[in-house]
Amino acid sequence: MKKADGDAMRAEYDFSGGVRGKYLPRLAKGANVVVLDRDMAKVFPTSKAVNDALRVLAEAGRRQGKMKSSTRGV
């Protein structure tokens, strides 16, 4: 494969009809972008994998909190 020349854009890339920031409002409403370290990206290769693991961790934290609060009065 031939390497592209510096900053030159190929002729087939035509962004003249593009709209800058078209999806920005939608992204700002409901997405949090998190950059994973490479070692974690190998363990959690998809958004679903990350979210599933975080849900398990959050549930374990909630349960741990309930257990602590129920033993305080004893």
PDB file of N, CA and C in Angstrom:
ATOM      1  N   MET A   1       0.844  -1.180   0.000  1.00  0.00           N
ATOM      2  CA  MET A   1       0.000   0.000   0.000  1.00  0.00           C
ATOM      3  C   MET A   1       0.886   1.238   0.000  1.00  0.00           C
ATOM      4  N   LYS A   2       0.559   2.172  -0.868  1.00  0.00           N
ATOM      5  CA  LYS A   2       1.328   3.404  -0.977  1.00  0.00           C
ATOM      6  C   LYS A   2       0.919   4.377   0.116  1.00  0.00           C
ATOM      7  N   LYS A   3       1.884   5.013   0.727  1.00  0.00           N
ATOM      8  CA  LYS A   3       1.636   5.968   1.798  1.00  0.00           C
ATOM      9  C   LYS A   3       1.138   7.297   1.222  1.00  0.00           C
ATOM     10  N   ALA A   4       0.171   7.915   1.889  1.00  0.00           N
ATOM     11  CA  ALA A   4      -0.381   9.197   1.435  1.00  0.00           C
ATOM     12  C   ALA A   4       0.658  10.302   1.588  1.00  0.00           C
ATOM     13  N   ASP A   5       0.576  11.285   0.730  1.00  0.00           N
ATOM     14  CA  ASP A   5       1.497  12.420   0.778  1.00  0.00           C
ATOM     15  C   ASP A   5       1.050  13.433   1.814  1.00  0.00           C
ATOM     16  N   GLY A   6       1.724  13.477   2.948  1.00  0.00           N
ATOM     17  CA  GLY A   6       1.494  14.492   3.973  1.00  0.00           C
ATOM     18  C   GLY A   6       0.042  14.729   4.307  1.00  0.00           C
ATOM     19  N   ASP A   7      -0.393  15.979   4.192  1.00  0.00           N
ATOM     20  CA  ASP A   7      -1.752  16.364   4.537  1.00  0.00           C
ATOM     21  C   ASP A   7      -2.688  16.410   3.332  1.00  0.00           C
ATOM     22  N   ALA A   8      -2.230  15.969   2.184  1.00  0.00           N
ATOM     23  CA  ALA A   8      -3.054  16.028   0.974  1.00  0.00           C
ATOM     24  C   ALA A   8      -4.241  15.085   1.106  1.00  0.00           C
ATOM     25  N   MET A   9      -5.424  15.579   0.750  1.00  0.00           N
ATOM     26  CA  MET A   9      -6.639  14.785   0.821  1.00  0.00           C
ATOM     27  C   MET A   9      -6.917  14.164  -0.543  1.00  0.00           C
ATOM     28  N   ARG A  10      -7.353  12.933  -0.542  1.00  0.00           N
ATOM     29  CA  ARG A  10      -7.676  12.266  -1.796  1.00  0.00           C
ATOM     30  C   ARG A  10      -8.862  12.944  -2.481  1.00  0.00           C
ATOM     31  N   ALA A  11      -8.887  12.863  -3.777  1.00  0.00           N
ATOM     32  CA  ALA A  11      -9.952  13.498  -4.562  1.00  0.00           C
ATOM     33  C   ALA A  11     -11.324  12.889  -4.266  1.00  0.00           C
ATOM     34  N   GLU A  12     -11.374  11.595  -3.921  1.00  0.00           N
ATOM     35  CA  GLU A  12     -12.675  10.947  -3.688  1.00  0.00           C
ATOM     36  C   GLU A  12     -13.303  11.330  -2.354  1.00  0.00           C
ATOM     37  N   TYR A  13     -12.570  12.019  -1.498  1.00  0.00           N
ATOM     38  CA  TYR A  13     -13.131  12.486  -0.225  1.00  0.00           C
ATOM     39  C   TYR A  13     -13.750  13.855  -0.440  1.00  0.00           C
ATOM     40  N   ASP A  14     -15.068  13.886  -0.489  1.00  0.00           N
ATOM     41  CA  ASP A  14     -15.775  15.147  -0.726  1.00  0.00           C
ATOM     42  C   ASP A  14     -16.676  15.452   0.466  1.00  0.00           C
ATOM     43  N   PHE A  15     -16.281  16.416   1.261  1.00  0.00           N
ATOM     44  CA  PHE A  15     -17.054  16.805   2.435  1.00  0.00           C
ATOM     45  C   PHE A  15     -17.827  18.102   2.206  1.00  0.00           C
ATOM     46  N   SER A  16     -17.975  18.508   0.962  1.00  0.00           N
ATOM     47  CA  SER A  16     -18.626  19.788   0.667  1.00  0.00           C
ATOM     48  C   SER A  16     -20.090  19.812   1.112  1.00  0.00           C
ATOM     49  N   GLY A  17     -20.744  18.657   1.173  1.00  0.00           N
ATOM     50  CA  GLY A  17     -22.149  18.610   1.600  1.00  0.00           C
ATOM     51  C   GLY A  17     -22.306  18.259   3.071  1.00  0.00           C
ATOM     52  N   GLY A  18     -21.197  18.158   3.770  1.00  0.00           N
ATOM     53  CA  GLY A  18     -21.237  17.769   5.177  1.00  0.00           C
ATOM     54  C   GLY A  18     -21.728  18.883   6.088  1.00  0.00           C
ATOM     55  N   VAL A  19     -22.206  18.503   7.242  1.00  0.00           N
ATOM     56  CA  VAL A  19     -22.679  19.456   8.231  1.00  0.00           C
ATOM     57  C   VAL A  19     -21.800  19.314   9.471  1.00  0.00           C
ATOM     58  N   ARG A  20     -21.115  20.359   9.834  1.00  0.00           N
ATOM     59  CA  ARG A  20     -20.213  20.313  10.979  1.00  0.00           C
ATOM     60  C   ARG A  20     -21.016  20.199  12.277  1.00  0.00           C
ATOM     61  N   GLY A  21     -20.642  19.232  13.102  1.00  0.00           N
ATOM     62  CA  GLY A  21     -21.289  19.063  14.403  1.00  0.00           C
ATOM     63  C   GLY A  21     -22.701  18.515  14.347  1.00  0.00           C
ATOM     64  N   LYS A  22     -23.058  17.829  13.276  1.00  0.00           N
ATOM     65  CA  LYS A  22     -24.420  17.339  13.075  1.00  0.00           C
ATOM     66  C   LYS A  22     -24.906  16.463  14.236  1.00  0.00           C
ATOM     67  N   TYR A  23     -24.051  15.622  14.777  1.00  0.00           N
ATOM     68  CA  TYR A  23     -24.452  14.690  15.827  1.00  0.00           C
ATOM     69  C   TYR A  23     -24.009  15.128  17.210  1.00  0.00           C
ATOM     70  N   LEU A  24     -23.393  16.281  17.320  1.00  0.00           N
ATOM     71  CA  LEU A  24     -22.894  16.748  18.604  1.00  0.00           C
ATOM     72  C   LEU A  24     -23.982  16.898  19.666  1.00  0.00           C
ATOM     73  N   PRO A  25     -25.135  17.497  19.380  1.00  0.00           N
ATOM     74  CA  PRO A  25     -26.170  17.614  20.418  1.00  0.00           C
ATOM     75  C   PRO A  25     -26.638  16.256  20.947  1.00  0.00           C
ATOM     76  N   ARG A  26     -26.796  15.297  20.053  1.00  0.00           N
ATOM     77  CA  ARG A  26     -27.226  13.962  20.475  1.00  0.00           C
ATOM     78  C   ARG A  26     -26.145  13.309  21.340  1.00  0.00           C
ATOM     79  N   LEU A  27     -24.908  13.474  20.970  1.00  0.00           N
ATOM     80  CA  LEU A  27     -23.805  12.915  21.748  1.00  0.00           C
ATOM     81  C   LEU A  27     -23.722  13.573  23.119  1.00  0.00           C
ATOM     82  N   ALA A  28     -23.897  14.870  23.170  1.00  0.00           N
ATOM     83  CA  ALA A  28     -23.808  15.604  24.429  1.00  0.00           C
ATOM     84  C   ALA A  28     -24.935  15.226  25.388  1.00  0.00           C
ATOM     85  N   LYS A  29     -26.092  14.851  24.860  1.00  0.00           N
ATOM     86  CA  LYS A  29     -27.231  14.494  25.703  1.00  0.00           C
ATOM     87  C   LYS A  29     -27.026  13.197  26.467  1.00  0.00           C
ATOM     88  N   GLY A  30     -26.502  12.183  25.794  1.00  0.00           N
ATOM     89  CA  GLY A  30     -26.556  10.888  26.444  1.00  0.00           C
ATOM     90  C   GLY A  30     -25.333  10.018  26.359  1.00  0.00           C
ATOM     91  N   ALA A  31     -24.175  10.576  26.161  1.00  0.00           N
ATOM     92  CA  ALA A  31     -23.000   9.723  26.057  1.00  0.00           C
ATOM     93  C   ALA A  31     -21.863  10.288  26.886  1.00  0.00           C
ATOM     94  N   ASN A  32     -21.192   9.404  27.566  1.00  0.00           N
ATOM     95  CA  ASN A  32     -19.966   9.765  28.263  1.00  0.00           C
ATOM     96  C   ASN A  32     -18.862   8.962  27.600  1.00  0.00           C
ATOM     97  N   VAL A  33     -17.893   9.640  27.077  1.00  0.00           N
ATOM     98  CA  VAL A  33     -16.799   8.962  26.405  1.00  0.00           C
ATOM     99  C   VAL A  33     -15.678   8.758  27.408  1.00  0.00           C
ATOM    100  N   VAL A  34     -15.241   7.521  27.526  1.00  0.00           N
ATOM    101  CA  VAL A  34     -14.164   7.171  28.434  1.00  0.00           C
ATOM    102  C   VAL A  34     -13.100   6.458  27.627  1.00  0.00           C
ATOM    103  N   VAL A  35     -11.872   6.853  27.788  1.00  0.00           N
ATOM    104  CA  VAL A  35     -10.769   6.211  27.085  1.00  0.00           C
ATOM    105  C   VAL A  35     -10.131   5.189  28.020  1.00  0.00           C
ATOM    106  N   LEU A  36     -10.134   3.939  27.601  1.00  0.00           N
ATOM    107  CA  LEU A  36      -9.565   2.866  28.406  1.00  0.00           C
ATOM    108  C   LEU A  36      -8.076   2.731  28.133  1.00  0.00           C
ATOM    109  N   ASP A  37      -7.335   2.356  29.153  1.00  0.00           N
ATOM    110  CA  ASP A  37      -5.939   2.005  28.947  1.00  0.00           C
ATOM    111  C   ASP A  37      -5.901   0.750  28.082  1.00  0.00           C
ATOM    112  N   ARG A  38      -4.811   0.547  27.371  1.00  0.00           N
ATOM    113  CA  ARG A  38      -4.722  -0.577  26.432  1.00  0.00           C
ATOM    114  C   ARG A  38      -4.953  -1.924  27.097  1.00  0.00           C
ATOM    115  N   ASP A  39      -4.406  -2.108  28.306  1.00  0.00           N
ATOM    116  CA  ASP A  39      -4.585  -3.394  28.967  1.00  0.00           C
ATOM    117  C   ASP A  39      -6.051  -3.651  29.299  1.00  0.00           C
ATOM    118  N   MET A  40      -6.788  -2.608  29.646  1.00  0.00           N
ATOM    119  CA  MET A  40      -8.213  -2.764  29.943  1.00  0.00           C
ATOM    120  C   MET A  40      -9.028  -2.944  28.662  1.00  0.00           C
ATOM    121  N   ALA A  41      -8.603  -2.320  27.592  1.00  0.00           N
ATOM    122  CA  ALA A  41      -9.309  -2.479  26.314  1.00  0.00           C
ATOM    123  C   ALA A  41      -9.207  -3.917  25.806  1.00  0.00           C
ATOM    124  N   LYS A  42      -8.139  -4.607  26.174  1.00  0.00           N
ATOM    125  CA  LYS A  42      -8.018  -6.020  25.796  1.00  0.00           C
ATOM    126  C   LYS A  42      -8.994  -6.876  26.594  1.00  0.00           C
ATOM    127  N   VAL A  43      -9.222  -6.510  27.848  1.00  0.00           N
ATOM    128  CA  VAL A  43     -10.140  -7.260  28.713  1.00  0.00           C
ATOM    129  C   VAL A  43     -11.589  -6.927  28.367  1.00  0.00           C
ATOM    130  N   PHE A  44     -11.861  -5.660  28.065  1.00  0.00           N
ATOM    131  CA  PHE A  44     -13.208  -5.178  27.751  1.00  0.00           C
ATOM    132  C   PHE A  44     -13.213  -4.601  26.338  1.00  0.00           C
ATOM    133  N   PRO A  45     -13.358  -5.435  25.320  1.00  0.00           N
ATOM    134  CA  PRO A  45     -13.208  -4.977  23.941  1.00  0.00           C
ATOM    135  C   PRO A  45     -14.390  -4.184  23.378  1.00  0.00           C
ATOM    136  N   THR A  46     -15.543  -4.205  24.066  1.00  0.00           N
ATOM    137  CA  THR A  46     -16.721  -3.504  23.543  1.00  0.00           C
ATOM    138  C   THR A  46     -17.368  -2.665  24.637  1.00  0.00           C
ATOM    139  N   SER A  47     -18.201  -1.744  24.237  1.00  0.00           N
ATOM    140  CA  SER A  47     -18.959  -0.934  25.195  1.00  0.00           C
ATOM    141  C   SER A  47     -19.838  -1.828  26.059  1.00  0.00           C
ATOM    142  N   LYS A  48     -20.427  -2.842  25.454  1.00  0.00           N
ATOM    143  CA  LYS A  48     -21.285  -3.758  26.209  1.00  0.00           C
ATOM    144  C   LYS A  48     -20.490  -4.462  27.305  1.00  0.00           C
ATOM    145  N   ALA A  49     -19.288  -4.899  26.998  1.00  0.00           N
ATOM    146  CA  ALA A  49     -18.460  -5.581  27.994  1.00  0.00           C
ATOM    147  C   ALA A  49     -18.141  -4.653  29.164  1.00  0.00           C
ATOM    148  N   VAL A  50     -17.830  -3.412  28.868  1.00  0.00           N
ATOM    149  CA  VAL A  50     -17.538  -2.428  29.919  1.00  0.00           C
ATOM    150  C   VAL A  50     -18.785  -2.175  30.757  1.00  0.00           C
ATOM    151  N   ASN A  51     -19.901  -1.934  30.109  1.00  0.00           N
ATOM    152  CA  ASN A  51     -21.144  -1.639  30.829  1.00  0.00           C
ATOM    153  C   ASN A  51     -21.605  -2.816  31.679  1.00  0.00           C
ATOM    154  N   ASP A  52     -21.492  -4.035  31.155  1.00  0.00           N
ATOM    155  CA  ASP A  52     -21.878  -5.216  31.930  1.00  0.00           C
ATOM    156  C   ASP A  52     -21.024  -5.338  33.191  1.00  0.00           C
ATOM    157  N   ALA A  53     -19.722  -5.146  33.047  1.00  0.00           N
ATOM    158  CA  ALA A  53     -18.826  -5.241  34.200  1.00  0.00           C
ATOM    159  C   ALA A  53     -19.120  -4.149  35.220  1.00  0.00           C
ATOM    160  N   LEU A  54     -19.390  -2.942  34.753  1.00  0.00           N
ATOM    161  CA  LEU A  54     -19.700  -1.841  35.671  1.00  0.00           C
ATOM    162  C   LEU A  54     -21.025  -2.083  36.397  1.00  0.00           C
ATOM    163  N   ARG A  55     -21.997  -2.665  35.709  1.00  0.00           N
ATOM    164  CA  ARG A  55     -23.277  -2.970  36.367  1.00  0.00           C
ATOM    165  C   ARG A  55     -23.093  -4.011  37.469  1.00  0.00           C
ATOM    166  N   VAL A  56     -22.271  -5.027  37.212  1.00  0.00           N
ATOM    167  CA  VAL A  56     -21.994  -6.037  38.235  1.00  0.00           C
ATOM    168  C   VAL A  56     -21.306  -5.386  39.434  1.00  0.00           C
ATOM    169  N   LEU A  57     -20.331  -4.542  39.168  1.00  0.00           N
ATOM    170  CA  LEU A  57     -19.614  -3.858  40.237  1.00  0.00           C
ATOM    171  C   LEU A  57     -20.538  -2.928  41.022  1.00  0.00           C
ATOM    172  N   ALA A  58     -21.395  -2.200  40.332  1.00  0.00           N
ATOM    173  CA  ALA A  58     -22.325  -1.290  41.005  1.00  0.00           C
ATOM    174  C   ALA A  58     -23.302  -2.057  41.884  1.00  0.00           C
ATOM    175  N   GLU A  59     -23.800  -3.178  41.387  1.00  0.00           N
ATOM    176  CA  GLU A  59     -24.719  -3.994  42.177  1.00  0.00           C
ATOM    177  C   GLU A  59     -24.017  -4.554  43.408  1.00  0.00           C
ATOM    178  N   ALA A  60     -22.781  -5.007  43.271  1.00  0.00           N
ATOM    179  CA  ALA A  60     -22.019  -5.511  44.414  1.00  0.00           C
ATOM    180  C   ALA A  60     -21.813  -4.400  45.441  1.00  0.00           C
ATOM    181  N   GLY A  61     -21.564  -3.196  44.983  1.00  0.00           N
ATOM    182  CA  GLY A  61     -21.409  -2.061  45.892  1.00  0.00           C
ATOM    183  C   GLY A  61     -22.693  -1.736  46.624  1.00  0.00           C
ATOM    184  N   ARG A  62     -23.806  -1.790  45.917  1.00  0.00           N
ATOM    185  CA  ARG A  62     -25.105  -1.538  46.562  1.00  0.00           C
ATOM    186  C   ARG A  62     -25.382  -2.596  47.622  1.00  0.00           C
ATOM    187  N   ARG A  63     -25.133  -3.831  47.294  1.00  0.00           N
ATOM    188  CA  ARG A  63     -25.358  -4.916  48.262  1.00  0.00           C
ATOM    189  C   ARG A  63     -24.451  -4.770  49.469  1.00  0.00           C
ATOM    190  N   GLN A  64     -23.206  -4.417  49.244  1.00  0.00           N
ATOM    191  CA  GLN A  64     -22.259  -4.232  50.337  1.00  0.00           C
ATOM    192  C   GLN A  64     -22.722  -3.078  51.238  1.00  0.00           C
ATOM    193  N   GLY A  65     -23.203  -2.013  50.633  1.00  0.00           N
ATOM    194  CA  GLY A  65     -23.713  -0.882  51.395  1.00  0.00           C
ATOM    195  C   GLY A  65     -24.913  -1.251  52.239  1.00  0.00           C
ATOM    196  N   LYS A  66     -25.807  -2.071  51.702  1.00  0.00           N
ATOM    197  CA  LYS A  66     -26.989  -2.528  52.460  1.00  0.00           C
ATOM    198  C   LYS A  66     -26.566  -3.408  53.610  1.00  0.00           C
ATOM    199  N   MET A  67     -25.574  -4.257  53.388  1.00  0.00           N
ATOM    200  CA  MET A  67     -25.128  -5.146  54.450  1.00  0.00           C
ATOM    201  C   MET A  67     -24.500  -4.340  55.582  1.00  0.00           C
ATOM    202  N   LYS A  68     -23.726  -3.324  55.246  1.00  0.00           N
ATOM    203  CA  LYS A  68     -23.088  -2.492  56.276  1.00  0.00           C
ATOM    204  C   LYS A  68     -24.140  -1.735  57.083  1.00  0.00           C
ATOM    205  N   SER A  69     -25.127  -1.169  56.404  1.00  0.00           N
ATOM    206  CA  SER A  69     -26.134  -0.387  57.099  1.00  0.00           C
ATOM    207  C   SER A  69     -27.040  -1.260  57.986  1.00  0.00           C
ATOM    208  N   SER A  70     -27.242  -2.514  57.580  1.00  0.00           N
ATOM    209  CA  SER A  70     -28.109  -3.390  58.393  1.00  0.00           C
ATOM    210  C   SER A  70     -27.395  -3.904  59.637  1.00  0.00           C
ATOM    211  N   THR A  71     -26.066  -3.872  59.681  1.00  0.00           N
ATOM    212  CA  THR A  71     -25.329  -4.355  60.868  1.00  0.00           C
ATOM    213  C   THR A  71     -24.917  -3.221  61.801  1.00  0.00           C
ATOM    214  N   ARG A  72     -25.164  -1.989  61.430  1.00  0.00           N
ATOM    215  CA  ARG A  72     -24.765  -0.850  62.272  1.00  0.00           C
ATOM    216  C   ARG A  72     -25.548  -0.776  63.581  1.00  0.00           C
ATOM    217  N   GLY A  73     -26.803  -1.165  63.538  1.00  0.00           N
ATOM    218  CA  GLY A  73     -27.644  -1.042  64.721  1.00  0.00           C
ATOM    219  C   GLY A  73     -27.466  -2.185  65.700  1.00  0.00           C
ATOM    220  N   VAL A  74     -26.651  -3.152  65.358  1.00  0.00           N
ATOM    221  CA  VAL A  74     -26.494  -4.329  66.227  1.00  0.00           C
ATOM    222  C   VAL A  74     -25.444  -4.085  67.291  1.00  0.00           C
TER     223      VAL A  74
END
